[in-house]
Amino acid sequence: MGSLIAPHGGTLVNRVLAGPAAQEAVQQAKGLMQVVLSARERCDLEMIAIGAFSPLAGFMGEKDYRSVCERMRLVNGTVWPIPVVLSPSDDVVAKINVGQKIALVDEKSRLLGVMQIIEKYAHDKALEIPNVYLTNDPAHPGVAIVQKQGSWCLSGSVDVVNPNPEPEFPEYRLPPAKTRQAFEAKGWATVSAFQTRNPIHRAHEYLTKCALEITDGLLIHPLVGETKFDDIPAEVRMACYRVLLDKYYNKDRTMLTVMPLAMRYAGPREAILHAIIRKNYGVTHFIVGRDHAGVGNYYGTYDAQKIFDQFGAGEIGVTPLKFEHSTWCKVCEGMVSAKTCPHGPETKVFLSGTKVRDLLKAGHRPPMEFSRPEVADILIRWAKE
């Protein structure tokens, strides 16, 4: 790995079969019971397969599951904040026994991989939901997904034949081993990552460029796995990222690749997960902004930053870059935060999400101080469709 940061747990997992091993698994799968994975489970399988979820080599067993829910650690003490489980419908699980091998398939019955069942245990949603999401409200999108899952979990390591039969943005879909190679080739020993499931507006651009001032490189790393229905589609967001990087970022110091994770909207715990994942990709610094991975009003504005203080030096291994809310100040004539600007709210260019959507739908650009015109043009075209 050269001078790059070590993967979480020390070893970068690779559960993707190749050559004769893959051919053998395909033949074996023909005689196995098929289990159709949900959208989230498909994302999780891909993350396990490519090593983004290192040190996980499969879906969690009961001891790890309970330990993660209760104390944000695997049984061996390694920090891990959110359960990664396979929980099919009860009628499917009833037909499966411990020791049995199953074929993991997508919604079109295409083979993804095989898995030997090591454990079959009760899915303790009463433990998981309030601990991970800090609420039992069924309106929370993460809570709603867990509630729809089965009453049982199946655990075991996975052998993956095809992590994703229809990958979005294949030219940008670099697994951790490949991003690490790219960082080494560029000579980047320190790398900042920016997690996003939204377009990058001027405030986000400011944060990423501040981060780039203190590290060798910047990885814009949008999430393209499952998101909630009203999030802006990945292809629209990617168009925004591409035009921004082309016109406003130093190409020699910036990379754009995608991550196939499904959003949990778990706020503070998900911020820790996002940092650990980026560590596996070779990142050393991780931008944590206002309400990271939040939704609605379930979490405090900076809870996702404060949670990092619960862990000792080196336990996560990635340096969180904690930024306050940024906006344009008319008096300072630039991007500022509460840390840097003495002027009141009346001097700021601030638009609510609702206001931005209304402007876009009407075909009006948000002001230049809020969004680059090229980004606004892409969003206006999308909003009118």
Protein backbone atom coordinates (compact mmCIF):
# COMPACT_ATOMS: atom_id res chain seq x y z
CA MET A 1 0.00 0.00 0.00
CA GLY A 2 3.06 2.31 0.06
CA SER A 3 2.56 5.47 2.06
CA LEU A 4 -1.24 5.32 1.97
CA ILE A 5 -3.39 4.94 5.05
CA ALA A 6 -4.07 1.29 6.00
CA PRO A 7 -7.59 -0.09 5.36
CA HIS A 8 -9.96 -0.38 8.31
CA GLY A 9 -9.00 -3.50 10.22
CA GLY A 10 -5.63 -3.67 8.45
CA THR A 11 -6.51 -5.64 5.29
CA LEU A 12 -8.45 -4.62 2.18
CA VAL A 13 -11.09 -7.30 1.59
CA ASN A 14 -11.75 -8.64 -1.90
CA ARG A 15 -14.67 -11.07 -2.24
CA VAL A 16 -14.96 -10.88 -6.04
CA LEU A 17 -14.19 -14.24 -7.64
CA ALA A 18 -12.26 -14.45 -10.90
CA GLY A 19 -11.23 -17.11 -13.42
CA PRO A 20 -11.95 -20.77 -12.60
CA ALA A 21 -13.27 -19.90 -9.12
CA ALA A 22 -15.94 -17.65 -10.65
CA GLN A 23 -16.86 -20.28 -13.25
CA GLU A 24 -17.20 -22.90 -10.55
CA ALA A 25 -19.45 -20.65 -8.46
CA VAL A 26 -21.68 -20.00 -11.48
CA GLN A 27 -22.09 -23.74 -12.06
CA GLN A 28 -22.69 -24.42 -8.38
CA ALA A 29 -25.32 -21.68 -8.17
CA LYS A 30 -27.50 -23.44 -10.74
CA GLY A 31 -28.45 -26.02 -8.13
CA LEU A 32 -28.95 -23.61 -5.24
CA MET A 33 -32.00 -21.88 -3.82
CA GLN A 34 -32.15 -18.29 -5.04
CA VAL A 35 -32.56 -15.39 -2.61
CA VAL A 36 -33.48 -12.05 -4.19
CA LEU A 37 -31.67 -9.14 -2.55
CA SER A 38 -33.35 -5.81 -1.87
CA ALA A 39 -31.90 -2.60 -3.31
CA ARG A 40 -30.06 -1.89 -0.06
CA GLU A 41 -28.77 -5.46 0.21
CA ARG A 42 -27.47 -5.32 -3.36
CA CYS A 43 -25.57 -2.14 -2.54
CA ASP A 44 -24.21 -3.72 0.65
CA LEU A 45 -23.11 -6.83 -1.24
CA GLU A 46 -21.19 -4.71 -3.74
CA MET A 47 -19.58 -2.71 -0.91
CA ILE A 48 -18.49 -5.94 0.80
CA ALA A 49 -17.24 -7.48 -2.44
CA ILE A 50 -14.98 -4.59 -3.48
CA GLY A 51 -13.55 -4.03 0.00
CA ALA A 52 -15.32 -0.74 0.74
CA PHE A 53 -16.80 -2.37 3.86
CA SER A 54 -13.46 -3.82 5.03
CA PRO A 55 -13.01 -5.65 7.37
CA LEU A 56 -16.47 -7.17 6.65
CA ALA A 57 -16.29 -10.25 4.40
CA GLY A 58 -20.03 -10.99 4.51
CA PHE A 59 -23.30 -10.20 6.22
CA MET A 60 -23.03 -9.85 10.00
CA GLY A 61 -23.59 -12.60 12.53
CA GLU A 62 -25.65 -12.05 15.67
CA LYS A 63 -22.81 -11.16 18.05
CA ASP A 64 -21.45 -8.50 15.71
CA TYR A 65 -24.96 -7.28 14.95
CA ARG A 66 -25.83 -6.75 18.61
CA SER A 67 -22.44 -5.26 19.44
CA VAL A 68 -22.71 -2.76 16.58
CA CYS A 69 -26.22 -1.73 17.61
CA GLU A 70 -25.29 -1.33 21.28
CA ARG A 71 -21.75 0.08 21.20
CA MET A 72 -20.77 0.88 17.59
CA ARG A 73 -18.11 -1.81 17.53
CA LEU A 74 -17.66 -5.29 16.16
CA VAL A 75 -17.15 -7.99 18.79
CA ASN A 76 -13.37 -7.70 18.34
CA GLY A 77 -13.52 -4.00 19.25
CA THR A 78 -13.15 -2.56 15.76
CA VAL A 79 -15.29 0.55 15.32
CA TRP A 80 -18.32 -0.09 13.11
CA PRO A 81 -21.48 2.02 13.57
CA ILE A 82 -24.28 0.49 11.46
CA PRO A 83 -25.42 -3.14 11.00
CA VAL A 84 -24.94 -4.77 7.60
CA VAL A 85 -27.44 -7.61 7.45
CA LEU A 86 -29.20 -9.90 5.01
CA SER A 87 -32.84 -10.06 6.08
CA PRO A 88 -35.14 -11.61 3.43
CA SER A 89 -38.86 -12.11 3.89
CA ASP A 90 -39.94 -14.62 6.53
CA ASP A 91 -41.34 -17.11 4.02
CA VAL A 92 -37.96 -17.25 2.25
CA VAL A 93 -35.97 -17.61 5.47
CA ALA A 94 -38.26 -20.45 6.62
CA LYS A 95 -36.92 -22.56 3.73
CA ILE A 96 -33.25 -21.97 4.59
CA ASN A 97 -31.16 -23.91 7.12
CA VAL A 98 -27.80 -23.23 8.72
CA GLY A 99 -25.02 -24.83 6.65
CA GLN A 100 -26.96 -24.47 3.43
CA LYS A 101 -25.56 -22.57 0.45
CA ILE A 102 -27.74 -20.06 -1.35
CA ALA A 103 -27.47 -18.11 -4.59
CA LEU A 104 -27.76 -14.33 -4.18
CA VAL A 105 -29.57 -12.77 -7.13
CA ASP A 106 -30.96 -9.37 -8.13
CA GLU A 107 -34.56 -8.50 -8.96
CA LYS A 108 -34.05 -9.87 -12.51
CA SER A 109 -32.76 -13.22 -11.14
CA ARG A 110 -29.21 -12.45 -12.30
CA LEU A 111 -26.56 -14.17 -10.21
CA LEU A 112 -24.56 -11.89 -7.93
CA GLY A 113 -22.81 -14.44 -5.72
CA VAL A 114 -23.12 -17.39 -3.37
CA MET A 115 -23.20 -17.55 0.41
CA GLN A 116 -23.00 -20.36 2.93
CA ILE A 117 -25.32 -19.77 5.87
CA ILE A 118 -23.35 -19.72 9.12
CA GLU A 119 -26.11 -18.29 11.31
CA LYS A 120 -29.83 -17.65 11.25
CA TYR A 121 -30.92 -15.30 14.04
CA ALA A 122 -33.78 -13.06 15.08
CA HIS A 123 -33.73 -9.56 13.60
CA ASP A 124 -33.99 -7.44 16.76
CA LYS A 125 -35.53 -4.30 15.28
CA ALA A 126 -36.43 -3.02 18.74
CA LEU A 127 -32.68 -2.92 19.43
CA GLU A 128 -31.50 -1.71 16.03
CA ILE A 129 -33.89 1.09 15.16
CA PRO A 130 -33.65 3.38 18.23
CA ASN A 131 -29.91 2.80 18.62
CA VAL A 132 -28.92 3.38 14.99
CA TYR A 133 -31.49 6.01 13.97
CA LEU A 134 -32.19 7.61 17.40
CA THR A 135 -35.90 7.48 16.64
CA ASN A 136 -38.71 4.96 16.15
CA ASP A 137 -40.62 7.25 13.81
CA PRO A 138 -41.77 5.22 10.77
CA ALA A 139 -41.62 8.42 8.71
CA HIS A 140 -37.81 8.29 8.95
CA PRO A 141 -36.67 6.68 5.64
CA GLY A 142 -34.04 4.50 7.32
CA VAL A 143 -36.46 3.29 9.98
CA ALA A 144 -39.05 2.53 7.30
CA ILE A 145 -36.64 0.26 5.41
CA VAL A 146 -35.67 -1.72 8.53
CA GLN A 147 -39.33 -2.15 9.45
CA LYS A 148 -40.00 -3.65 6.01
CA GLN A 149 -37.18 -6.17 6.37
CA GLY A 150 -37.77 -9.71 7.57
CA SER A 151 -37.88 -11.01 11.14
CA TRP A 152 -34.70 -13.05 10.67
CA CYS A 153 -31.14 -12.38 9.53
CA LEU A 154 -28.82 -14.72 7.63
CA SER A 155 -25.08 -14.42 8.11
CA GLY A 156 -22.01 -15.74 6.36
CA SER A 157 -19.15 -14.65 4.13
CA VAL A 158 -19.96 -14.05 0.47
CA ASP A 159 -18.29 -15.12 -2.77
CA VAL A 160 -19.30 -12.65 -5.44
CA VAL A 161 -19.43 -13.41 -9.15
CA ASN A 162 -20.83 -10.10 -10.36
CA PRO A 163 -21.05 -7.20 -7.87
CA ASN A 164 -23.38 -5.23 -10.16
CA PRO A 165 -24.76 -6.43 -13.53
CA GLU A 166 -25.79 -2.88 -14.52
CA PRO A 167 -23.35 -0.45 -12.87
CA GLU A 168 -24.10 3.24 -13.25
CA PHE A 169 -21.19 5.42 -14.37
CA PRO A 170 -18.77 2.52 -14.98
CA GLU A 171 -15.97 4.91 -15.97
CA TYR A 172 -16.21 6.53 -12.54
CA ARG A 173 -16.82 3.34 -10.55
CA LEU A 174 -13.40 2.71 -9.03
CA PRO A 175 -13.17 0.18 -6.19
CA PRO A 176 -10.90 0.97 -3.22
CA ALA A 177 -7.93 -0.91 -4.70
CA LYS A 178 -8.12 1.28 -7.82
CA THR A 179 -8.49 4.62 -6.01
CA ARG A 180 -5.50 3.66 -3.89
CA GLN A 181 -3.49 2.96 -7.05
CA ALA A 182 -4.57 6.31 -8.47
CA PHE A 183 -3.56 8.20 -5.32
CA GLU A 184 -0.15 6.53 -5.33
CA ALA A 185 0.35 7.30 -9.02
CA LYS A 186 -0.48 10.96 -8.35
CA GLY A 187 1.82 11.06 -5.33
CA TRP A 188 -1.00 11.92 -2.93
CA ALA A 189 -0.15 10.80 0.61
CA THR A 190 -3.02 12.82 2.09
CA VAL A 191 -6.45 12.99 0.49
CA SER A 192 -9.66 14.76 1.53
CA ALA A 193 -13.01 13.22 0.57
CA PHE A 194 -16.35 14.91 0.15
CA GLN A 195 -19.49 12.80 0.57
CA THR A 196 -22.48 14.07 -1.34
CA ARG A 197 -25.93 12.94 -2.39
CA ASN A 198 -26.83 16.45 -3.59
CA PRO A 199 -25.51 18.88 -6.20
CA ILE A 200 -22.47 20.90 -5.14
CA HIS A 201 -23.40 24.54 -4.60
CA ARG A 202 -21.06 27.40 -3.71
CA ALA A 203 -20.98 26.54 0.00
CA HIS A 204 -19.93 22.95 -0.73
CA GLU A 205 -17.36 24.17 -3.24
CA TYR A 206 -15.90 26.40 -0.53
CA LEU A 207 -15.60 23.51 1.93
CA THR A 208 -13.91 21.22 -0.58
CA LYS A 209 -11.41 23.86 -1.62
CA CYS A 210 -10.59 24.66 2.02
CA ALA A 211 -9.91 20.94 2.50
CA LEU A 212 -7.74 20.83 -0.60
CA GLU A 213 -5.55 23.58 0.84
CA ILE A 214 -4.41 21.18 3.59
CA THR A 215 -4.15 17.85 1.71
CA ASP A 216 -2.43 16.67 -1.46
CA GLY A 217 -5.64 15.79 -3.27
CA LEU A 218 -9.43 15.93 -3.18
CA LEU A 219 -11.82 13.05 -3.92
CA ILE A 220 -15.35 14.11 -4.82
CA HIS A 221 -17.10 10.87 -3.92
CA PRO A 222 -20.86 10.97 -4.55
CA LEU A 223 -23.13 8.24 -3.31
CA VAL A 224 -24.98 6.55 -6.18
CA GLY A 225 -26.65 3.68 -4.32
CA GLU A 226 -30.22 3.66 -3.06
CA THR A 227 -31.56 7.05 -1.91
CA LYS A 228 -35.03 8.28 -0.99
CA PHE A 229 -37.51 8.99 -3.77
CA ASP A 230 -37.29 12.79 -3.65
CA ASP A 231 -33.48 13.07 -3.79
CA ILE A 232 -32.07 14.43 -7.04
CA PRO A 233 -31.23 11.50 -9.38
CA ALA A 234 -27.62 10.40 -9.61
CA GLU A 235 -27.29 11.13 -13.34
CA VAL A 236 -28.36 14.76 -12.77
CA ARG A 237 -25.95 15.15 -9.88
CA MET A 238 -23.10 13.63 -11.88
CA ALA A 239 -23.67 16.14 -14.68
CA CYS A 240 -23.37 18.91 -12.09
CA TYR A 241 -20.15 17.46 -10.65
CA ARG A 242 -18.56 17.05 -14.07
CA VAL A 243 -19.20 20.63 -15.17
CA LEU A 244 -17.96 21.98 -11.84
CA LEU A 245 -14.74 20.00 -11.91
CA ASP A 246 -14.18 20.94 -15.53
CA LYS A 247 -14.53 24.69 -14.94
CA TYR A 248 -13.76 25.44 -11.30
CA TYR A 249 -11.35 22.85 -9.84
CA ASN A 250 -7.67 22.07 -10.38
CA LYS A 251 -7.83 18.83 -12.37
CA ASP A 252 -4.36 17.78 -11.23
CA ARG A 253 -5.49 17.81 -7.60
CA THR A 254 -9.06 16.54 -7.89
CA MET A 255 -10.69 13.19 -8.66
CA LEU A 256 -14.33 12.25 -9.20
CA THR A 257 -15.40 8.67 -8.56
CA VAL A 258 -18.66 7.17 -7.31
CA MET A 259 -19.55 4.98 -4.34
CA PRO A 260 -22.34 2.34 -4.54
CA LEU A 261 -23.51 2.72 -0.92
CA ALA A 262 -27.21 2.90 0.01
CA MET A 263 -28.12 5.86 2.22
CA ARG A 264 -29.36 5.08 5.73
CA TYR A 265 -30.05 8.72 6.71
CA ALA A 266 -28.69 7.79 10.14
CA GLY A 267 -27.00 11.12 10.81
CA PRO A 268 -24.16 10.80 13.36
CA ARG A 269 -23.64 7.04 13.02
CA GLU A 270 -23.67 7.28 9.26
CA ALA A 271 -21.00 9.98 9.36
CA ILE A 272 -18.71 7.48 11.10
CA LEU A 273 -19.56 4.83 8.49
CA HIS A 274 -18.83 7.25 5.65
CA ALA A 275 -15.44 8.08 7.18
CA ILE A 276 -14.49 4.40 7.61
CA ILE A 277 -15.50 3.62 4.03
CA ARG A 278 -13.36 6.49 2.70
CA LYS A 279 -10.43 5.19 4.76
CA ASN A 280 -10.76 1.94 2.80
CA TYR A 281 -10.59 3.95 -0.42
CA GLY A 282 -7.28 5.45 0.76
CA VAL A 283 -8.59 8.76 2.12
CA THR A 284 -6.97 10.42 5.15
CA HIS A 285 -9.28 13.41 5.76
CA PHE A 286 -13.08 13.47 5.59
CA ILE A 287 -15.29 16.56 5.32
CA VAL A 288 -18.13 16.54 7.85
CA GLY A 289 -20.45 19.47 7.38
CA ARG A 290 -23.76 20.65 8.73
CA ASP A 291 -26.32 17.86 9.35
CA HIS A 292 -24.20 15.20 7.64
CA ALA A 293 -26.33 12.24 6.43
CA GLY A 294 -29.33 13.71 8.20
CA VAL A 295 -32.95 13.94 7.21
CA GLY A 296 -35.79 16.03 8.61
CA ASN A 297 -35.18 17.26 12.15
CA TYR A 298 -34.09 13.98 13.73
CA TYR A 299 -30.51 15.08 14.51
CA GLY A 300 -28.83 18.17 15.87
CA THR A 301 -27.08 20.44 13.38
CA TYR A 302 -23.58 19.32 14.38
CA ASP A 303 -24.26 15.93 16.00
CA ALA A 304 -22.46 14.21 13.12
CA GLN A 305 -19.30 16.12 14.05
CA LYS A 306 -19.56 15.61 17.81
CA ILE A 307 -19.83 11.81 17.52
CA PHE A 308 -16.20 11.59 16.36
CA ASP A 309 -15.16 12.80 19.83
CA GLN A 310 -16.45 9.52 21.31
CA PHE A 311 -13.54 7.59 19.79
CA GLY A 312 -9.87 7.51 20.67
CA ALA A 313 -7.05 8.63 18.41
CA GLY A 314 -6.49 6.10 15.67
CA GLU A 315 -9.70 4.11 16.25
CA ILE A 316 -11.27 5.49 13.09
CA GLY A 317 -7.98 6.57 11.54
CA VAL A 318 -9.44 9.33 9.37
CA THR A 319 -9.19 12.99 10.37
CA PRO A 320 -12.66 14.61 10.34
CA LEU A 321 -12.67 18.11 8.88
CA LYS A 322 -15.47 19.80 10.81
CA PHE A 323 -16.99 22.71 8.92
CA GLU A 324 -19.73 25.05 10.04
CA HIS A 325 -22.51 26.20 7.74
CA SER A 326 -21.10 28.43 5.01
CA THR A 327 -22.78 31.08 2.90
CA TRP A 328 -22.03 34.20 0.87
CA CYS A 329 -21.66 37.48 2.77
CA LYS A 330 -22.48 40.63 0.81
CA VAL A 331 -20.22 42.75 3.02
CA CYS A 332 -17.22 40.38 2.98
CA GLU A 333 -17.91 39.67 -0.70
CA GLY A 334 -17.06 36.02 -0.35
CA MET A 335 -17.92 32.66 1.22
CA VAL A 336 -17.86 32.76 5.02
CA SER A 337 -18.92 30.88 8.12
CA ALA A 338 -19.78 31.97 11.67
CA LYS A 339 -16.10 31.42 12.50
CA THR A 340 -14.85 33.90 9.93
CA CYS A 341 -17.57 36.54 9.46
CA PRO A 342 -18.70 39.22 11.98
CA HIS A 343 -21.78 40.33 10.02
CA GLY A 344 -25.41 39.49 10.74
CA PRO A 345 -27.82 37.23 8.86
CA GLU A 346 -29.22 40.16 6.90
CA THR A 347 -25.93 40.30 4.94
CA LYS A 348 -26.05 36.67 3.87
CA VAL A 349 -27.33 35.07 0.67
CA PHE A 350 -29.27 32.13 2.06
CA LEU A 351 -31.88 30.11 0.18
CA SER A 352 -33.96 27.30 1.64
CA GLY A 353 -34.27 24.05 -0.24
CA THR A 354 -37.89 24.90 -0.99
CA LYS A 355 -36.94 28.31 -2.39
CA VAL A 356 -34.28 26.78 -4.63
CA ARG A 357 -36.73 24.18 -5.98
CA ASP A 358 -39.32 26.89 -6.66
CA LEU A 359 -36.78 28.98 -8.57
CA LEU A 360 -35.63 26.00 -10.63
CA LYS A 361 -39.16 24.93 -11.51
CA ALA A 362 -39.92 28.47 -12.66
CA GLY A 363 -36.83 28.40 -14.85
CA HIS A 364 -35.00 30.99 -12.76
CA ARG A 365 -31.40 30.59 -11.71
CA PRO A 366 -30.53 30.91 -8.03
CA PRO A 367 -28.13 33.83 -7.55
CA MET A 368 -24.49 33.38 -8.57
CA GLU A 369 -23.52 33.63 -4.90
CA PHE A 370 -25.53 30.48 -4.18
CA SER A 371 -24.89 28.27 -7.21
CA ARG A 372 -22.64 28.32 -10.25
CA PRO A 373 -24.71 29.17 -13.36
CA GLU A 374 -23.67 25.96 -15.14
CA VAL A 375 -25.00 23.89 -12.22
CA ALA A 376 -28.20 25.91 -12.08
CA ASP A 377 -28.78 25.35 -15.82
CA ILE A 378 -28.53 21.57 -15.40
CA LEU A 379 -30.94 21.64 -12.46
CA ILE A 380 -33.42 23.89 -14.30
CA ARG A 381 -33.55 21.43 -17.22
CA TRP A 382 -34.15 18.57 -14.79
CA ALA A 383 -36.80 20.45 -12.78
CA LYS A 384 -38.79 21.16 -15.96
CA GLU A 385 -38.91 17.52 -17.08
